[in-house]
Amino acid sequence: MPLATTRSVDDVPAIRRHRTITGMSAILLPLLTETEIDWEGFRGHVRRTAEAGLIPAVNMDTGYANLISDAQREQVLRETQQIMDGGAFVAGVFVQDSPGASFDFDAYRSGLDQILQYGGTPIIFQSYGLTDQADADIVAAYQKIGQHAGDFLAFELGQMFAPFGKIYSLDVYAGLMGIETCRGAKHSSLSRELEWQRIQLRDEKRPDFRVLTGNDLAIDMVMYGSDYLLGLSTFAPEAFARRDAMWASGDAGFYELNDLLQYLGFLAFRDPVPAYKHNAAQFLHARGWIQTTLTYPGSPTRPDSDVAILQNILDRLEA
């Protein structure tokens, strides 16, 4: 069922035509076997994403950030730095902990230092220790992160994506905007209502703060003032870039292309949501961009019958 909303259409933020959209795309980590990463496929995917005009985001959920080893995570950063050659990229800071854990700043600092060493902008994955704190302590934790890292991005993650995720109160979100080095926050609640609230708060308090939609079920949130950091765009970064250019130029073809990409999103991000990564592997394999349809061990899978539907969408995107 659709998520409930309490607001009138008169209260929804205005559509912002001709706006230049900033797109960030989470990079799928492809596999050759269950234990061997397809580094050639990964490099090609990062390169194509950057050439399309999107900012690659590595070691995200799409890159199995909660499953890969620290050595693999660092290799991802090394490969990305070489490909980007000074260009901008984003990388996830993931801290593994358990329910009831305390906030582990030392673990976050280690992840931050690893990313900064390779020239990336950190985006902070939540952890039990971070989100189980009182609101004021959560904001203080991000302040400490910003003091150490400089510019960074925050990340709200709904529990349909990960059990350690939490959608913050608007007081916490306002606190994030009060941290100068926090340049934006990815919002992954899959709720238009909650994201509209954040857009309005941003417009009131800090217009340069980026609300990065992570709503793969409502990718048209960019019309209302969000930018994006999506897993869905990993399927077709060039199509997302084309869509974004249409919006900026006022080309009404935006709507039909957005509809097709949203159809892909509804297919890939159905329950169980984390299985979208297997759909991504199926799709990129059909494109000839990676060598297998394997997904990382521990990540849920989709049926082979999805491939025919994905191929139909791909044919329509390439028509």
C-alpha atoms as a PDB file:
ATOM      1  CA  MET A   1       0.000   0.000   0.000  1.00  0.00           C
ATOM      2  CA  PRO A   2       1.190   3.581  -0.638  1.00  0.00           C
ATOM      3  CA  LEU A   3       2.597   5.384   2.386  1.00  0.00           C
ATOM      4  CA  ALA A   4       0.064   7.719   4.000  1.00  0.00           C
ATOM      5  CA  THR A   5       0.473  11.471   3.811  1.00  0.00           C
ATOM      6  CA  THR A   6      -1.245  14.115   5.874  1.00  0.00           C
ATOM      7  CA  ARG A   7      -0.640  17.089   3.626  1.00  0.00           C
ATOM      8  CA  SER A   8      -2.789  18.718   0.994  1.00  0.00           C
ATOM      9  CA  VAL A   9      -1.540  19.050  -2.573  1.00  0.00           C
ATOM     10  CA  ASP A  10      -1.494  22.783  -1.865  1.00  0.00           C
ATOM     11  CA  ASP A  11       1.298  22.186   0.666  1.00  0.00           C
ATOM     12  CA  VAL A  12       3.565  20.126  -1.591  1.00  0.00           C
ATOM     13  CA  PRO A  13       6.746  21.971  -2.625  1.00  0.00           C
ATOM     14  CA  ALA A  14       6.488  23.634  -6.014  1.00  0.00           C
ATOM     15  CA  ILE A  15       7.899  21.899  -9.068  1.00  0.00           C
ATOM     16  CA  ARG A  16      11.161  23.579 -10.111  1.00  0.00           C
ATOM     17  CA  ARG A  17      11.388  23.511 -13.882  1.00  0.00           C
ATOM     18  CA  HIS A  18      14.711  23.915 -15.699  1.00  0.00           C
ATOM     19  CA  ARG A  19      16.667  23.103 -12.533  1.00  0.00           C
ATOM     20  CA  THR A  20      20.124  21.611 -12.981  1.00  0.00           C
ATOM     21  CA  ILE A  21      20.101  18.258 -11.186  1.00  0.00           C
ATOM     22  CA  THR A  22      23.146  16.832  -9.422  1.00  0.00           C
ATOM     23  CA  GLY A  23      23.174  13.065  -9.881  1.00  0.00           C
ATOM     24  CA  MET A  24      25.223  10.622  -7.851  1.00  0.00           C
ATOM     25  CA  SER A  25      25.080   6.954  -8.784  1.00  0.00           C
ATOM     26  CA  ALA A  26      25.899   4.026  -6.506  1.00  0.00           C
ATOM     27  CA  ILE A  27      28.232   1.630  -8.325  1.00  0.00           C
ATOM     28  CA  LEU A  28      27.435  -2.081  -8.389  1.00  0.00           C
ATOM     29  CA  LEU A  29      30.360  -4.299  -7.408  1.00  0.00           C
ATOM     30  CA  PRO A  30      30.261  -7.108 -10.017  1.00  0.00           C
ATOM     31  CA  LEU A  31      31.554 -10.650  -9.479  1.00  0.00           C
ATOM     32  CA  LEU A  32      33.365 -13.296 -11.504  1.00  0.00           C
ATOM     33  CA  THR A  33      32.717 -15.999  -8.899  1.00  0.00           C
ATOM     34  CA  GLU A  34      31.206 -15.954  -5.428  1.00  0.00           C
ATOM     35  CA  THR A  35      34.579 -14.936  -4.032  1.00  0.00           C
ATOM     36  CA  GLU A  36      36.250 -13.057  -6.923  1.00  0.00           C
ATOM     37  CA  ILE A  37      35.403  -9.481  -7.910  1.00  0.00           C
ATOM     38  CA  ASP A  38      35.132  -8.510 -11.578  1.00  0.00           C
ATOM     39  CA  TRP A  39      37.550  -5.596 -11.405  1.00  0.00           C
ATOM     40  CA  GLU A  40      37.509  -4.998 -15.142  1.00  0.00           C
ATOM     41  CA  GLY A  41      33.712  -4.742 -15.060  1.00  0.00           C
ATOM     42  CA  PHE A  42      33.886  -2.466 -12.020  1.00  0.00           C
ATOM     43  CA  ARG A  43      36.381  -0.113 -13.665  1.00  0.00           C
ATOM     44  CA  GLY A  44      34.299   0.083 -16.813  1.00  0.00           C
ATOM     45  CA  HIS A  45      31.170   0.843 -14.806  1.00  0.00           C
ATOM     46  CA  VAL A  46      32.828   3.656 -12.846  1.00  0.00           C
ATOM     47  CA  ARG A  47      34.220   5.109 -16.059  1.00  0.00           C
ATOM     48  CA  ARG A  48      30.908   5.015 -17.917  1.00  0.00           C
ATOM     49  CA  THR A  49      29.107   6.590 -14.957  1.00  0.00           C
ATOM     50  CA  ALA A  50      31.568   9.473 -14.778  1.00  0.00           C
ATOM     51  CA  GLU A  51      31.557   9.954 -18.547  1.00  0.00           C
ATOM     52  CA  ALA A  52      27.758  10.191 -18.444  1.00  0.00           C
ATOM     53  CA  GLY A  53      28.120  13.133 -16.044  1.00  0.00           C
ATOM     54  CA  LEU A  54      27.084  11.440 -12.799  1.00  0.00           C
ATOM     55  CA  ILE A  55      29.234  11.314  -9.667  1.00  0.00           C
ATOM     56  CA  PRO A  56      30.203   7.709  -8.872  1.00  0.00           C
ATOM     57  CA  ALA A  57      29.450   6.556  -5.333  1.00  0.00           C
ATOM     58  CA  VAL A  58      31.377   3.461  -4.276  1.00  0.00           C
ATOM     59  CA  ASN A  59      31.260   1.177  -1.244  1.00  0.00           C
ATOM     60  CA  MET A  60      27.561   1.899  -0.924  1.00  0.00           C
ATOM     61  CA  ASP A  61      24.792  -0.644  -0.329  1.00  0.00           C
ATOM     62  CA  THR A  62      24.918  -1.273  -4.096  1.00  0.00           C
ATOM     63  CA  GLY A  63      28.582  -2.152  -3.615  1.00  0.00           C
ATOM     64  CA  TYR A  64      27.804  -4.560  -0.727  1.00  0.00           C
ATOM     65  CA  ALA A  65      29.345  -2.204   1.833  1.00  0.00           C
ATOM     66  CA  ASN A  66      28.053  -4.315   4.722  1.00  0.00           C
ATOM     67  CA  LEU A  67      29.386  -7.579   3.285  1.00  0.00           C
ATOM     68  CA  ILE A  68      32.794  -6.962   1.731  1.00  0.00           C
ATOM     69  CA  SER A  69      36.101  -7.066   3.602  1.00  0.00           C
ATOM     70  CA  ASP A  70      38.159  -4.028   4.541  1.00  0.00           C
ATOM     71  CA  ALA A  71      40.792  -5.075   2.001  1.00  0.00           C
ATOM     72  CA  GLN A  72      38.155  -5.239  -0.751  1.00  0.00           C
ATOM     73  CA  ARG A  73      36.789  -1.875   0.340  1.00  0.00           C
ATOM     74  CA  GLU A  74      40.236  -0.320   0.039  1.00  0.00           C
ATOM     75  CA  GLN A  75      40.795  -1.899  -3.372  1.00  0.00           C
ATOM     76  CA  VAL A  76      37.524  -0.327  -4.543  1.00  0.00           C
ATOM     77  CA  LEU A  77      38.853   3.070  -3.424  1.00  0.00           C
ATOM     78  CA  ARG A  78      42.205   2.516  -5.123  1.00  0.00           C
ATOM     79  CA  GLU A  79      40.602   1.513  -8.415  1.00  0.00           C
ATOM     80  CA  THR A  80      38.164   4.424  -8.273  1.00  0.00           C
ATOM     81  CA  GLN A  81      40.883   6.979  -7.557  1.00  0.00           C
ATOM     82  CA  GLN A  82      42.866   5.788 -10.581  1.00  0.00           C
ATOM     83  CA  ILE A  83      39.873   5.983 -12.890  1.00  0.00           C
ATOM     84  CA  MET A  84      38.634   9.362 -11.648  1.00  0.00           C
ATOM     85  CA  ASP A  85      42.111  10.947 -11.819  1.00  0.00           C
ATOM     86  CA  GLY A  86      41.188  13.831  -9.542  1.00  0.00           C
ATOM     87  CA  GLY A  87      37.482  13.862 -10.409  1.00  0.00           C
ATOM     88  CA  ALA A  88      34.857  13.839  -7.682  1.00  0.00           C
ATOM     89  CA  PHE A  89      33.567  10.615  -6.195  1.00  0.00           C
ATOM     90  CA  VAL A  90      31.716   9.600  -3.049  1.00  0.00           C
ATOM     91  CA  ALA A  91      32.512   6.600  -0.840  1.00  0.00           C
ATOM     92  CA  GLY A  92      30.650   4.999   2.025  1.00  0.00           C
ATOM     93  CA  VAL A  93      31.971   4.768   5.592  1.00  0.00           C
ATOM     94  CA  PHE A  94      30.534   1.582   7.073  1.00  0.00           C
ATOM     95  CA  VAL A  95      30.972   0.527  10.701  1.00  0.00           C
ATOM     96  CA  GLN A  96      29.929  -3.004  11.656  1.00  0.00           C
ATOM     97  CA  ASP A  97      28.395  -3.244  15.125  1.00  0.00           C
ATOM     98  CA  SER A  98      25.498  -4.886  16.982  1.00  0.00           C
ATOM     99  CA  PRO A  99      22.312  -3.751  18.733  1.00  0.00           C
ATOM    100  CA  GLY A 100      23.182  -2.083  22.019  1.00  0.00           C
ATOM    101  CA  ALA A 101      26.653  -1.012  20.875  1.00  0.00           C
ATOM    102  CA  SER A 102      28.047   2.401  21.764  1.00  0.00           C
ATOM    103  CA  PHE A 103      28.951   4.962  19.105  1.00  0.00           C
ATOM    104  CA  ASP A 104      32.412   3.966  17.864  1.00  0.00           C
ATOM    105  CA  PHE A 105      34.080   7.150  16.650  1.00  0.00           C
ATOM    106  CA  ASP A 106      37.446   5.417  16.275  1.00  0.00           C
ATOM    107  CA  ALA A 107      35.929   2.985  13.750  1.00  0.00           C
ATOM    108  CA  TYR A 108      34.341   5.846  11.830  1.00  0.00           C
ATOM    109  CA  ARG A 109      37.614   7.776  11.908  1.00  0.00           C
ATOM    110  CA  SER A 110      39.441   4.795  10.418  1.00  0.00           C
ATOM    111  CA  GLY A 111      36.916   4.621   7.575  1.00  0.00           C
ATOM    112  CA  LEU A 112      37.103   8.364   7.009  1.00  0.00           C
ATOM    113  CA  ASP A 113      40.883   8.321   6.832  1.00  0.00           C
ATOM    114  CA  GLN A 114      40.792   5.472   4.320  1.00  0.00           C
ATOM    115  CA  ILE A 115      38.509   7.446   2.001  1.00  0.00           C
ATOM    116  CA  LEU A 116      40.325  10.746   2.430  1.00  0.00           C
ATOM    117  CA  GLN A 117      43.592   9.019   1.540  1.00  0.00           C
ATOM    118  CA  TYR A 118      42.142   8.227  -1.885  1.00  0.00           C
ATOM    119  CA  GLY A 119      40.510  11.621  -2.475  1.00  0.00           C
ATOM    120  CA  GLY A 120      36.850  10.677  -2.014  1.00  0.00           C
ATOM    121  CA  THR A 121      34.045  12.486  -0.217  1.00  0.00           C
ATOM    122  CA  PRO A 122      32.811  10.340   2.686  1.00  0.00           C
ATOM    123  CA  ILE A 123      29.147   9.493   3.151  1.00  0.00           C
ATOM    124  CA  ILE A 124      28.338   8.178   6.605  1.00  0.00           C
ATOM    125  CA  PHE A 125      26.455   4.906   6.876  1.00  0.00           C
ATOM    126  CA  GLN A 126      24.464   4.599  10.056  1.00  0.00           C
ATOM    127  CA  SER A 127      25.233   2.022  12.730  1.00  0.00           C
ATOM    128  CA  TYR A 128      23.429   0.843  15.845  1.00  0.00           C
ATOM    129  CA  GLY A 129      25.834   2.842  17.987  1.00  0.00           C
ATOM    130  CA  LEU A 130      25.173   6.023  16.021  1.00  0.00           C
ATOM    131  CA  THR A 131      21.391   5.822  15.748  1.00  0.00           C
ATOM    132  CA  ASP A 132      20.599   4.446  19.221  1.00  0.00           C
ATOM    133  CA  GLN A 133      21.697   7.724  20.811  1.00  0.00           C
ATOM    134  CA  ALA A 134      19.497  10.620  21.875  1.00  0.00           C
ATOM    135  CA  ASP A 135      18.907  13.228  19.174  1.00  0.00           C
ATOM    136  CA  ALA A 136      21.405  15.741  20.576  1.00  0.00           C
ATOM    137  CA  ASP A 137      24.075  13.048  20.824  1.00  0.00           C
ATOM    138  CA  ILE A 138      23.466  11.968  17.224  1.00  0.00           C
ATOM    139  CA  VAL A 139      24.075  15.542  16.041  1.00  0.00           C
ATOM    140  CA  ALA A 140      27.165  15.769  18.253  1.00  0.00           C
ATOM    141  CA  ALA A 141      28.506  12.579  16.685  1.00  0.00           C
ATOM    142  CA  TYR A 142      28.173  14.070  13.198  1.00  0.00           C
ATOM    143  CA  GLN A 143      29.836  17.263  14.407  1.00  0.00           C
ATOM    144  CA  LYS A 144      32.786  15.195  15.578  1.00  0.00           C
ATOM    145  CA  ILE A 145      32.909  13.418  12.227  1.00  0.00           C
ATOM    146  CA  GLY A 146      32.895  16.750  10.401  1.00  0.00           C
ATOM    147  CA  GLN A 147      35.656  18.166  12.572  1.00  0.00           C
ATOM    148  CA  HIS A 148      37.847  15.238  11.597  1.00  0.00           C
ATOM    149  CA  ALA A 149      36.886  14.739   7.959  1.00  0.00           C
ATOM    150  CA  GLY A 150      36.031  18.133   6.560  1.00  0.00           C
ATOM    151  CA  ASP A 151      33.318  17.917   3.922  1.00  0.00           C
ATOM    152  CA  PHE A 152      31.074  14.862   4.199  1.00  0.00           C
ATOM    153  CA  LEU A 153      27.557  13.645   3.447  1.00  0.00           C
ATOM    154  CA  ALA A 154      25.095  12.145   5.923  1.00  0.00           C
ATOM    155  CA  PHE A 155      22.733   9.255   5.223  1.00  0.00           C
ATOM    156  CA  GLU A 156      19.288   8.331   6.579  1.00  0.00           C
ATOM    157  CA  LEU A 157      18.454   4.718   5.808  1.00  0.00           C
ATOM    158  CA  GLY A 158      15.067   3.072   6.322  1.00  0.00           C
ATOM    159  CA  GLN A 159      14.985  -0.345   7.944  1.00  0.00           C
ATOM    160  CA  MET A 160      13.631  -1.918   4.748  1.00  0.00           C
ATOM    161  CA  PHE A 161      17.222  -1.478   3.517  1.00  0.00           C
ATOM    162  CA  ALA A 162      19.158  -2.344   6.686  1.00  0.00           C
ATOM    163  CA  PRO A 163      18.263  -3.161  10.324  1.00  0.00           C
ATOM    164  CA  PHE A 164      20.658  -0.555  11.718  1.00  0.00           C
ATOM    165  CA  GLY A 165      19.012   2.247   9.715  1.00  0.00           C
ATOM    166  CA  LYS A 166      16.966   5.091  11.149  1.00  0.00           C
ATOM    167  CA  ILE A 167      14.991   7.990   9.680  1.00  0.00           C
ATOM    168  CA  TYR A 168      15.833  10.969  11.848  1.00  0.00           C
ATOM    169  CA  SER A 169      13.527  13.515  13.406  1.00  0.00           C
ATOM    170  CA  LEU A 170      13.385  16.911  11.719  1.00  0.00           C
ATOM    171  CA  ASP A 171      15.260  18.297  14.730  1.00  0.00           C
ATOM    172  CA  VAL A 172      18.188  16.014  13.951  1.00  0.00           C
ATOM    173  CA  TYR A 173      17.959  16.890  10.260  1.00  0.00           C
ATOM    174  CA  ALA A 174      18.086  20.588  11.145  1.00  0.00           C
ATOM    175  CA  GLY A 175      21.114  19.799  13.316  1.00  0.00           C
ATOM    176  CA  LEU A 176      22.849  18.214  10.336  1.00  0.00           C
ATOM    177  CA  MET A 177      22.227  21.346   8.299  1.00  0.00           C
ATOM    178  CA  GLY A 178      23.827  23.330  11.096  1.00  0.00           C
ATOM    179  CA  ILE A 179      27.144  21.522  10.551  1.00  0.00           C
ATOM    180  CA  GLU A 180      29.033  23.546   7.939  1.00  0.00           C
ATOM    181  CA  THR A 181      31.036  20.591   6.653  1.00  0.00           C
ATOM    182  CA  CYS A 182      27.930  18.432   6.189  1.00  0.00           C
ATOM    183  CA  ARG A 183      27.160  19.237   2.548  1.00  0.00           C
ATOM    184  CA  GLY A 184      24.009  17.180   2.228  1.00  0.00           C
ATOM    185  CA  ALA A 185      22.231  14.009   3.233  1.00  0.00           C
ATOM    186  CA  LYS A 186      20.889  11.011   1.356  1.00  0.00           C
ATOM    187  CA  HIS A 187      17.298  10.270   2.379  1.00  0.00           C
ATOM    188  CA  SER A 188      16.139   6.679   1.919  1.00  0.00           C
ATOM    189  CA  SER A 189      12.755   6.360   3.593  1.00  0.00           C
ATOM    190  CA  LEU A 190      10.827   5.675   0.338  1.00  0.00           C
ATOM    191  CA  SER A 191       8.371   8.348   1.586  1.00  0.00           C
ATOM    192  CA  ARG A 192       7.578  11.453  -0.459  1.00  0.00           C
ATOM    193  CA  GLU A 193       6.052  13.073   2.621  1.00  0.00           C
ATOM    194  CA  LEU A 194       9.244  12.847   4.677  1.00  0.00           C
ATOM    195  CA  GLU A 195      11.397  14.014   1.783  1.00  0.00           C
ATOM    196  CA  TRP A 196       9.127  16.994   1.046  1.00  0.00           C
ATOM    197  CA  GLN A 197       9.541  17.987   4.701  1.00  0.00           C
ATOM    198  CA  ARG A 198      13.298  17.941   4.293  1.00  0.00           C
ATOM    199  CA  ILE A 199      13.187  19.982   1.101  1.00  0.00           C
ATOM    200  CA  GLN A 200      11.104  22.659   2.811  1.00  0.00           C
ATOM    201  CA  LEU A 201      13.384  22.704   5.861  1.00  0.00           C
ATOM    202  CA  ARG A 202      16.421  22.992   3.595  1.00  0.00           C
ATOM    203  CA  ASP A 203      14.875  25.897   1.697  1.00  0.00           C
ATOM    204  CA  GLU A 204      14.184  27.702   4.973  1.00  0.00           C
ATOM    205  CA  LYS A 205      17.476  27.064   6.742  1.00  0.00           C
ATOM    206  CA  ARG A 206      20.272  26.267   4.290  1.00  0.00           C
ATOM    207  CA  PRO A 207      19.591  26.471   0.546  1.00  0.00           C
ATOM    208  CA  ASP A 208      23.012  25.067  -0.413  1.00  0.00           C
ATOM    209  CA  PHE A 209      22.403  21.814   1.507  1.00  0.00           C
ATOM    210  CA  ARG A 210      21.732  18.901  -0.860  1.00  0.00           C
ATOM    211  CA  VAL A 211      18.715  16.724  -0.173  1.00  0.00           C
ATOM    212  CA  LEU A 212      19.813  13.579  -2.003  1.00  0.00           C
ATOM    213  CA  THR A 213      16.817  11.409  -2.726  1.00  0.00           C
ATOM    214  CA  GLY A 214      17.351   7.727  -2.251  1.00  0.00           C
ATOM    215  CA  ASN A 215      13.733   7.012  -3.174  1.00  0.00           C
ATOM    216  CA  ASP A 216      14.040   4.523  -6.008  1.00  0.00           C
ATOM    217  CA  LEU A 217      10.218   4.325  -6.056  1.00  0.00           C
ATOM    218  CA  ALA A 218       9.815   8.083  -6.694  1.00  0.00           C
ATOM    219  CA  ILE A 219      12.725   9.207  -8.826  1.00  0.00           C
ATOM    220  CA  ASP A 220      10.749  12.266  -9.932  1.00  0.00           C
ATOM    221  CA  MET A 221      11.510  13.850  -6.541  1.00  0.00           C
ATOM    222  CA  VAL A 222      14.145  15.792  -8.486  1.00  0.00           C
ATOM    223  CA  MET A 223      11.272  17.912  -9.862  1.00  0.00           C
ATOM    224  CA  TYR A 224      10.629  19.279  -6.359  1.00  0.00           C
ATOM    225  CA  GLY A 225      14.204  20.229  -5.488  1.00  0.00           C
ATOM    226  CA  SER A 226      15.973  17.030  -4.501  1.00  0.00           C
ATOM    227  CA  ASP A 227      19.184  15.870  -6.098  1.00  0.00           C
ATOM    228  CA  TYR A 228      19.896  12.141  -5.955  1.00  0.00           C
ATOM    229  CA  LEU A 229      22.139   9.316  -4.900  1.00  0.00           C
ATOM    230  CA  LEU A 230      20.403   6.218  -6.210  1.00  0.00           C
ATOM    231  CA  GLY A 231      21.048   2.527  -6.609  1.00  0.00           C
ATOM    232  CA  LEU A 232      18.628   2.446  -9.534  1.00  0.00           C
ATOM    233  CA  SER A 233      20.849   4.688 -11.640  1.00  0.00           C
ATOM    234  CA  THR A 234      23.551   1.990 -11.603  1.00  0.00           C
ATOM    235  CA  PHE A 235      21.409   0.113 -14.174  1.00  0.00           C
ATOM    236  CA  ALA A 236      21.594   2.922 -16.756  1.00  0.00           C
ATOM    237  CA  PRO A 237      23.642   5.961 -15.741  1.00  0.00           C
ATOM    238  CA  GLU A 238      23.567   7.395 -19.263  1.00  0.00           C
ATOM    239  CA  ALA A 239      19.742   7.264 -19.297  1.00  0.00           C
ATOM    240  CA  PHE A 240      19.558   9.105 -15.971  1.00  0.00           C
ATOM    241  CA  ALA A 241      21.984  11.729 -17.273  1.00  0.00           C
ATOM    242  CA  ARG A 242      19.863  12.130 -20.424  1.00  0.00           C
ATOM    243  CA  ARG A 243      16.732  12.497 -18.304  1.00  0.00           C
ATOM    244  CA  ASP A 244      18.409  15.133 -16.127  1.00  0.00           C
ATOM    245  CA  ALA A 245      19.560  17.114 -19.169  1.00  0.00           C
ATOM    246  CA  MET A 246      15.995  17.073 -20.514  1.00  0.00           C
ATOM    247  CA  TRP A 247      14.730  18.586 -17.268  1.00  0.00           C
ATOM    248  CA  ALA A 248      17.337  21.343 -17.324  1.00  0.00           C
ATOM    249  CA  SER A 249      16.589  22.215 -20.964  1.00  0.00           C
ATOM    250  CA  GLY A 250      12.812  22.036 -20.603  1.00  0.00           C
ATOM    251  CA  ASP A 251      12.399  19.007 -22.867  1.00  0.00           C
ATOM    252  CA  ALA A 252       9.080  17.301 -22.032  1.00  0.00           C
ATOM    253  CA  GLY A 253      10.639  13.997 -23.101  1.00  0.00           C
ATOM    254  CA  PHE A 254      11.794  13.948 -19.475  1.00  0.00           C
ATOM    255  CA  TYR A 255       8.436  12.516 -18.428  1.00  0.00           C
ATOM    256  CA  GLU A 256       8.362   9.489 -20.723  1.00  0.00           C
ATOM    257  CA  LEU A 257      11.982   8.590 -19.987  1.00  0.00           C
ATOM    258  CA  ASN A 258      11.362   9.042 -16.275  1.00  0.00           C
ATOM    259  CA  ASP A 259       8.307   6.759 -16.533  1.00  0.00           C
ATOM    260  CA  LEU A 260      10.387   3.979 -18.108  1.00  0.00           C
ATOM    261  CA  LEU A 261      13.139   4.333 -15.515  1.00  0.00           C
ATOM    262  CA  GLN A 262      10.512   4.293 -12.773  1.00  0.00           C
ATOM    263  CA  TYR A 263       9.039   1.077 -14.206  1.00  0.00           C
ATOM    264  CA  LEU A 264      12.521  -0.389 -13.831  1.00  0.00           C
ATOM    265  CA  GLY A 265      12.624   0.907 -10.257  1.00  0.00           C
ATOM    266  CA  PHE A 266       9.313  -0.668  -9.305  1.00  0.00           C
ATOM    267  CA  LEU A 267      10.490  -4.019 -10.635  1.00  0.00           C
ATOM    268  CA  ALA A 268      13.938  -3.954  -9.060  1.00  0.00           C
ATOM    269  CA  PHE A 269      12.999  -2.475  -5.679  1.00  0.00           C
ATOM    270  CA  ARG A 270      10.106  -4.763  -4.792  1.00  0.00           C
ATOM    271  CA  ASP A 271      10.389  -6.905  -1.660  1.00  0.00           C
ATOM    272  CA  PRO A 272      12.911  -7.997  -0.602  1.00  0.00           C
ATOM    273  CA  VAL A 273      14.375  -4.599  -1.455  1.00  0.00           C
ATOM    274  CA  PRO A 274      18.103  -5.570  -1.134  1.00  0.00           C
ATOM    275  CA  ALA A 275      17.612  -8.047  -4.013  1.00  0.00           C
ATOM    276  CA  TYR A 276      17.698  -5.074  -6.403  1.00  0.00           C
ATOM    277  CA  LYS A 277      21.447  -5.687  -6.573  1.00  0.00           C
ATOM    278  CA  HIS A 278      20.858  -9.044  -8.242  1.00  0.00           C
ATOM    279  CA  ASN A 279      18.542  -7.340 -10.749  1.00  0.00           C
ATOM    280  CA  ALA A 280      21.310  -4.818 -11.371  1.00  0.00           C
ATOM    281  CA  ALA A 281      23.757  -7.620 -12.093  1.00  0.00           C
ATOM    282  CA  GLN A 282      21.229  -9.259 -14.431  1.00  0.00           C
ATOM    283  CA  PHE A 283      20.671  -5.963 -16.245  1.00  0.00           C
ATOM    284  CA  LEU A 284      24.344  -5.020 -16.584  1.00  0.00           C
ATOM    285  CA  HIS A 285      25.159  -8.541 -17.751  1.00  0.00           C
ATOM    286  CA  ALA A 286      22.463  -8.221 -20.427  1.00  0.00           C
ATOM    287  CA  ARG A 287      24.181  -5.006 -21.522  1.00  0.00           C
ATOM    288  CA  GLY A 288      27.496  -6.828 -21.840  1.00  0.00           C
ATOM    289  CA  TRP A 289      29.046  -4.608 -19.184  1.00  0.00           C
ATOM    290  CA  ILE A 290      29.859  -7.344 -16.642  1.00  0.00           C
ATOM    291  CA  GLN A 291      30.647 -11.030 -16.985  1.00  0.00           C
ATOM    292  CA  THR A 292      28.148 -12.732 -14.649  1.00  0.00           C
ATOM    293  CA  THR A 293      24.776 -12.191 -12.975  1.00  0.00           C
ATOM    294  CA  LEU A 294      26.123 -13.230  -9.582  1.00  0.00           C
ATOM    295  CA  THR A 295      25.290 -11.280  -6.454  1.00  0.00           C
ATOM    296  CA  TYR A 296      27.484 -11.205  -3.351  1.00  0.00           C
ATOM    297  CA  PRO A 297      26.994 -14.129  -0.916  1.00  0.00           C
ATOM    298  CA  GLY A 298      24.551 -13.105   1.794  1.00  0.00           C
ATOM    299  CA  SER A 299      22.581 -10.784  -0.490  1.00  0.00           C
ATOM    300  CA  PRO A 300      19.093 -11.951  -1.611  1.00  0.00           C
ATOM    301  CA  THR A 301      18.466 -13.001  -5.208  1.00  0.00           C
ATOM    302  CA  ARG A 302      15.790 -12.618  -7.890  1.00  0.00           C
ATOM    303  CA  PRO A 303      14.334 -15.337 -10.144  1.00  0.00           C
ATOM    304  CA  ASP A 304      15.765 -15.930 -13.618  1.00  0.00           C
ATOM    305  CA  SER A 305      12.342 -14.994 -15.001  1.00  0.00           C
ATOM    306  CA  ASP A 306      13.175 -11.336 -14.255  1.00  0.00           C
ATOM    307  CA  VAL A 307      15.762 -11.347 -17.042  1.00  0.00           C
ATOM    308  CA  ALA A 308      13.169 -11.265 -19.850  1.00  0.00           C
ATOM    309  CA  ILE A 309      11.433  -8.254 -18.269  1.00  0.00           C
ATOM    310  CA  LEU A 310      14.741  -6.469 -17.747  1.00  0.00           C
ATOM    311  CA  GLN A 311      15.698  -7.159 -21.361  1.00  0.00           C
ATOM    312  CA  ASN A 312      12.445  -5.593 -22.541  1.00  0.00           C
ATOM    313  CA  ILE A 313      13.168  -2.453 -20.520  1.00  0.00           C
ATOM    314  CA  LEU A 314      16.730  -2.359 -21.861  1.00  0.00           C
ATOM    315  CA  ASP A 315      15.468  -2.671 -25.456  1.00  0.00           C
ATOM    316  CA  ARG A 316      13.108   0.225 -24.877  1.00  0.00           C
ATOM    317  CA  LEU A 317      15.848   2.395 -23.344  1.00  0.00           C
ATOM    318  CA  GLU A 318      18.128   1.720 -26.305  1.00  0.00           C
ATOM    319  CA  ALA A 319      15.427   2.199 -28.960  1.00  0.00           C
END
